[in-house]
Amino acid sequence: MILKPTSAKFKRAISRLRQMLNSDEELLRASWIRMAHPCGKSGCRCAKGKKYHHINWYLSQSKDGKSRMKSVPREYVKAMKAKTEAYKEARGLLAIIGDEYWNEFSNKQKR
């Protein structure tokens, strides 16, 4: 017999995950890194000291055991953050679904 959890928590998680996957919502598995560094222009105030370094955002991701980073231009930060937040939400929903199946299986084993 196939086990299927019936809790409201499980149903909400399944419903939201289906909604995400059936919509145009985009997912991106990555972490955000904020870095401060000088721009390299001799006339810029950042060349005079660490106090005025420029802030840049990077996306970091591991692939095949190696880290990789990409600089994110300012105009893309908001859109890319939405993609990484959606991924985190989907990952959390999958954890809830997995836990509910595990609990259902564990309860069946006890009977």
Protein backbone atom coordinates (compact mmCIF):
# COMPACT_ATOMS: atom_id res chain seq x y z
CA MET A 1 0.00 0.00 0.00
CA ILE A 2 1.30 3.46 -0.92
CA LEU A 3 1.44 5.84 2.01
CA LYS A 4 0.11 9.36 1.58
CA PRO A 5 0.04 11.86 4.42
CA THR A 6 -3.28 13.60 4.98
CA SER A 7 -2.29 16.43 7.31
CA ALA A 8 -3.20 20.03 6.49
CA LYS A 9 0.49 20.94 6.63
CA PHE A 10 1.27 18.36 3.94
CA LYS A 11 -1.62 19.49 1.73
CA ARG A 12 -0.58 23.15 1.99
CA ALA A 13 3.04 22.32 1.12
CA ILE A 14 2.03 20.17 -1.88
CA SER A 15 -0.40 22.82 -3.11
CA ARG A 16 2.14 25.66 -2.86
CA LEU A 17 4.89 23.61 -4.52
CA ARG A 18 2.57 22.70 -7.41
CA GLN A 19 1.59 26.36 -7.72
CA MET A 20 5.24 27.38 -7.91
CA LEU A 21 6.14 24.75 -10.49
CA ASN A 22 3.10 25.41 -12.68
CA SER A 23 3.64 29.16 -12.74
CA ASP A 24 6.31 31.28 -14.36
CA GLU A 25 8.11 31.60 -11.02
CA GLU A 26 11.82 31.01 -11.55
CA LEU A 27 14.12 29.26 -9.09
CA LEU A 28 17.84 29.78 -8.64
CA ARG A 29 20.01 27.73 -6.29
CA ALA A 30 22.59 30.23 -5.09
CA SER A 31 23.73 32.25 -2.09
CA TRP A 32 24.30 35.98 -1.91
CA ILE A 33 27.68 37.50 -1.06
CA ARG A 34 28.21 41.20 -0.43
CA MET A 35 31.73 42.38 -1.17
CA ALA A 36 33.37 45.77 -0.73
CA HIS A 37 36.34 46.65 -2.90
CA PRO A 38 37.97 49.56 -4.73
CA CYS A 39 36.98 50.15 -8.36
CA GLY A 40 40.52 50.72 -9.60
CA LYS A 41 40.04 54.26 -10.92
CA SER A 42 42.85 56.51 -9.72
CA GLY A 43 40.61 59.57 -9.26
CA CYS A 44 37.90 57.76 -7.27
CA ARG A 45 37.59 58.30 -3.52
CA CYS A 46 37.86 54.53 -2.98
CA ALA A 47 41.51 54.68 -4.05
CA LYS A 48 42.30 56.77 -0.95
CA GLY A 49 41.27 54.28 1.72
CA LYS A 50 39.10 51.34 2.72
CA LYS A 51 36.39 53.58 4.14
CA TYR A 52 34.96 54.34 0.69
CA HIS A 53 35.05 50.98 -1.06
CA HIS A 54 32.24 50.16 -3.45
CA ILE A 55 29.65 47.52 -2.53
CA ASN A 56 28.93 44.80 -5.08
CA TRP A 57 26.65 41.77 -4.91
CA TYR A 58 27.70 38.33 -6.07
CA LEU A 59 25.87 35.04 -6.47
CA SER A 60 27.73 32.02 -5.21
CA GLN A 61 26.98 28.43 -6.11
CA SER A 62 28.76 25.12 -5.65
CA LYS A 63 28.94 22.75 -8.59
CA ASP A 64 30.77 19.44 -8.59
CA GLY A 65 32.38 20.33 -5.26
CA LYS A 66 33.74 23.65 -6.49
CA SER A 67 32.49 27.14 -5.71
CA ARG A 68 31.76 29.63 -8.43
CA MET A 69 30.74 33.28 -8.21
CA LYS A 70 29.15 35.77 -10.57
CA SER A 71 28.90 39.50 -10.10
CA VAL A 72 25.30 40.76 -10.26
CA PRO A 73 24.77 44.21 -11.78
CA ARG A 74 22.66 46.54 -9.63
CA GLU A 75 19.73 46.49 -12.03
CA TYR A 76 19.41 42.69 -11.71
CA VAL A 77 19.75 42.33 -7.92
CA LYS A 78 16.02 42.57 -7.15
CA ALA A 79 15.01 40.03 -9.81
CA MET A 80 17.78 37.60 -8.89
CA LYS A 81 16.92 37.85 -5.18
CA ALA A 82 13.35 36.87 -6.02
CA LYS A 83 14.66 33.76 -7.80
CA THR A 84 16.88 32.72 -4.88
CA GLU A 85 14.08 33.33 -2.36
CA ALA A 86 11.71 31.20 -4.46
CA TYR A 87 14.30 28.40 -4.46
CA LYS A 88 14.61 28.59 -0.67
CA GLU A 89 10.83 28.41 -0.33
CA ALA A 90 10.63 25.38 -2.65
CA ARG A 91 13.42 23.66 -0.73
CA GLY A 92 11.56 24.28 2.54
CA LEU A 93 8.34 22.88 1.05
CA LEU A 94 10.18 19.76 -0.10
CA ALA A 95 11.54 19.31 3.43
CA ILE A 96 8.01 19.53 4.86
CA ILE A 97 6.69 17.03 2.31
CA GLY A 98 9.57 14.62 2.98
CA ASP A 99 9.08 14.88 6.75
CA GLU A 100 5.37 14.21 6.43
CA TYR A 101 6.01 11.08 4.34
CA TRP A 102 8.62 9.95 6.85
CA ASN A 103 6.23 10.45 9.76
CA GLU A 104 3.45 8.60 7.94
CA PHE A 105 5.80 5.70 7.20
CA SER A 106 7.04 5.63 10.81
CA ASN A 107 3.48 5.59 12.13
CA LYS A 108 2.55 2.67 9.83
CA GLN A 109 5.57 0.70 11.04
CA LYS A 110 4.45 1.04 14.68
CA ARG A 111 1.01 -0.46 14.04
